Structures are given as structure tokens and as C-alpha cells.
Protein backbone atom coordinates (compact mmCIF):
# COMPACT_ATOMS: atom_id res chain seq x y z
CA MET A 1 0.26 0.52 -0.05
CA THR A 2 2.98 2.41 0.48
CA GLN A 3 4.18 1.70 -2.79
CA SER A 4 0.91 3.05 -4.28
CA ALA A 5 0.92 5.89 -1.90
CA ASP A 6 3.92 6.81 -2.58
CA HIS A 7 3.03 6.99 -6.28
CA GLY A 8 0.42 9.07 -5.77
CA LEU A 9 -2.69 7.18 -6.16
CA ASP A 10 -5.55 8.77 -3.58
CA PRO A 11 -7.18 5.96 -2.07
CA ALA A 12 -3.43 4.48 -1.30
CA GLN A 13 -2.95 8.18 -0.02
CA TYR A 14 -5.92 8.49 2.13
CA ASP A 15 -5.86 4.18 3.76
CA LEU A 16 -2.50 4.35 4.58
CA GLY A 17 -2.99 8.34 6.52
CA ILE A 18 -6.21 6.80 8.07
CA ILE A 19 -3.84 3.39 9.54
CA TYR A 20 -1.19 5.35 10.99
CA LEU A 21 -3.74 8.15 12.36
CA GLU A 22 -5.70 5.01 13.58
CA GLY A 23 -2.73 3.16 15.12
CA LYS A 24 -4.32 -0.49 14.28
CA ILE A 25 -2.27 -2.30 11.96
CA VAL A 26 0.98 0.17 12.32
CA GLU A 27 1.71 1.88 15.01
CA PRO A 28 0.27 5.13 15.76
CA ASN A 29 2.60 8.42 13.48
CA ILE A 30 0.50 11.62 13.33
CA ASP A 31 3.15 13.22 11.46
CA LYS A 32 2.88 9.71 8.62
CA GLY A 33 -0.69 10.08 8.68
CA ILE A 34 -0.88 13.80 8.08
CA LYS A 35 0.95 13.28 5.48
CA TYR A 36 -0.99 10.90 3.37
CA LEU A 37 -4.04 12.36 4.32
CA THR A 38 -2.09 15.74 3.04
CA LEU A 39 -1.25 13.52 -0.42
CA ALA A 40 -5.01 12.29 -0.88
CA ALA A 41 -6.76 16.21 0.13
CA ASP A 42 -4.04 17.89 -2.31
CA GLN A 43 -6.30 15.29 -5.07
CA GLY A 44 -9.87 16.50 -4.10
CA ARG A 45 -10.49 13.88 -2.53
CA LYS A 46 -13.00 14.99 0.25
CA ASP A 47 -13.03 12.73 2.81
CA ALA A 48 -9.21 13.19 3.22
CA GLN A 49 -9.88 17.05 3.82
CA PHE A 50 -12.67 15.97 6.33
CA ASN A 51 -10.54 14.15 8.23
CA LEU A 52 -6.94 16.09 8.28
CA GLY A 53 -9.88 18.57 9.71
CA LEU A 54 -10.87 16.31 12.42
CA ALA A 55 -6.79 15.31 13.06
CA TYR A 56 -5.73 19.40 13.44
CA SER A 57 -8.28 19.55 16.29
CA ASN A 58 -7.92 16.98 18.20
CA LEU A 59 -3.69 17.45 17.92
CA SER A 60 -2.52 17.85 21.93
CA GLU A 61 -1.92 21.56 20.40
CA PRO A 62 -4.21 21.39 17.99
CA ASN A 63 -3.90 23.87 15.13
CA TYR A 64 -7.66 25.31 14.69
CA ASP A 65 -6.76 28.02 11.36
CA LEU A 66 -5.70 23.99 9.33
CA ALA A 67 -8.68 22.33 10.74
CA GLU A 68 -10.29 25.32 10.13
CA MET A 69 -8.85 25.46 6.36
CA HIS A 70 -9.18 21.34 5.36
CA LEU A 71 -13.11 21.21 7.17
CA ARG A 72 -13.58 23.88 4.84
CA GLU A 73 -12.13 23.24 1.70
CA ALA A 74 -14.37 19.72 2.81
CA SER A 75 -17.38 21.94 2.95
CA PHE A 76 -17.53 23.67 -0.09
CA ASN A 77 -17.09 19.72 -2.20
CA GLY A 78 -20.20 18.59 -0.06
CA HIS A 79 -19.37 16.78 2.38
CA PHE A 80 -21.90 17.46 4.86
CA PRO A 81 -19.88 15.95 8.17
CA ALA A 82 -17.72 18.74 7.64
CA ILE A 83 -20.06 21.46 6.92
CA PHE A 84 -21.51 20.77 10.83
CA GLU A 85 -17.79 20.25 12.50
CA LEU A 86 -17.19 23.21 10.68
CA SER A 87 -19.89 25.29 12.42
CA LYS A 88 -18.84 22.76 15.67
CA LEU A 89 -15.27 24.71 15.18
CA TYR A 90 -15.99 27.87 15.43
CA SER A 91 -18.27 28.03 17.86
CA ILE A 92 -16.66 25.71 19.98
CA ASN A 93 -13.52 25.77 20.39
CA LYS A 94 -12.45 30.07 18.13
CA LYS A 95 -15.87 31.41 20.19
CA ASP A 96 -17.11 32.97 16.65
CA TYR A 97 -20.87 32.53 17.00
CA ALA A 98 -21.88 33.79 13.86
CA LYS A 99 -19.38 31.70 11.62
CA GLY A 100 -20.49 28.50 13.49
CA LEU A 101 -24.40 29.79 13.17
CA LEU A 102 -23.66 30.63 9.44
CA TRP A 103 -22.46 26.59 9.07
CA ILE A 104 -25.25 25.14 11.03
CA ILE A 105 -27.78 27.17 8.87
CA VAL A 106 -25.87 25.79 5.94
CA ALA A 107 -25.71 22.54 7.76
CA LEU A 108 -29.49 22.50 7.78
CA GLU A 109 -29.83 22.92 4.15
CA TYR A 110 -28.90 19.45 3.51
CA CYS A 111 -29.11 17.47 6.27
CA GLY A 112 -32.04 15.27 6.51
CA ARG A 113 -35.52 15.19 8.67
CA GLU A 114 -33.68 13.02 11.33
CA ASP A 115 -30.79 15.70 11.90
CA GLU A 116 -33.54 18.42 11.55
CA GLN A 117 -34.24 18.89 15.33
CA ARG A 118 -30.71 18.45 17.26
CA PHE A 119 -29.38 20.97 14.56
CA GLY A 120 -32.79 23.03 15.35
CA LYS A 121 -31.15 22.81 19.21
CA ILE A 122 -27.54 24.44 18.51
CA ARG A 123 -29.01 26.94 15.77
CA LYS A 124 -31.36 27.98 18.46
CA ASP A 125 -28.48 28.00 21.17
CA LEU A 126 -26.41 30.05 18.67
CA GLU A 127 -28.46 32.59 17.88
CA SER A 128 -29.25 33.58 21.01
CA LYS A 129 -24.74 34.37 22.10
CA LEU A 130 -25.64 37.03 19.98
CA SER A 131 -26.34 40.49 19.62
CA ARG A 132 -30.02 40.92 16.80
CA THR A 133 -27.05 43.35 14.70
CA GLU A 134 -24.99 40.61 14.39
CA TYR A 135 -28.17 38.13 13.53
CA THR A 136 -29.69 40.01 11.48
CA GLU A 137 -25.89 39.99 9.43
CA ILE A 138 -26.46 36.33 9.08
CA GLU A 139 -29.74 36.17 7.74
CA ALA A 140 -28.65 38.49 5.17
CA GLU A 141 -25.58 36.65 4.28
CA THR A 142 -27.92 32.95 4.21
CA GLN A 143 -30.69 35.26 1.53
């Protein structure tokens, strides 16, 4: 698999990145996991972009800027869980409730019925943390 990954095959790069991050088959190696996921993400693989965002968020010293970058890429490529994770990143880690709300509104556009109630509760919580002016600006952006 390493040979295939080193020859640029994104499925192998993705799989190897996950294997190194999870450490189930080999000794965990965060640096190698991120390296191979980055190679796959650079080829437009949205699941790699998503997992890179999670990896950067969950490091012992998180890099929320890189997490944001990769989660945004995955979101723009249609990866629904990345949209929700991006909302969490903004609202919990960066304390930017306006951006968190914006991404929850985007998530609500794509979610199924089973997620509507959960996202609706998160939306109401985020709305309560914004001033009327901030909320009005978010509403205007989503129209």
C-alpha cells in the first residue's frame, strides 16, 4: 500500500493516512498520517480533507486554522459532516458564534429529517449568543 500511496494513488494515500492516525494495524504515527492524508486531500479527496480537519483539531496542541482550512475545503466539496464540524469548530473552539450559526444554517439546508431537530437546537443556542445586529447580518448572508 505504501508503494501505491507513494506513486500518487489517492485511495492508498487516504487509507494509509487513516491507518497511521488510528494506529490499529501499525504503531500510530500522527506525522505520517497527516502526510498521507494531505497528499490525498491535495488531489481533491473530500474524505481526506475532512479527516485532516479532524486530525488538526484533535492534536495535543490543536491547529484550528489548519483544521478550519481543511474542513472548509471538504464542506465546499459537499462533505456534509464537514459542514457540521466546521460549525462546531467556530462556535466551540474559536468562539465565533456568528460563523458557527452561519454553518449550522448551511447544515440545515442539507440535513435529513433526523438531523433537523438536533441542528435546530444548536441553531437556537447560537442565536441566543448573538446580538440582534449580528443575527441580522447572518440572516442577510444566508438569503
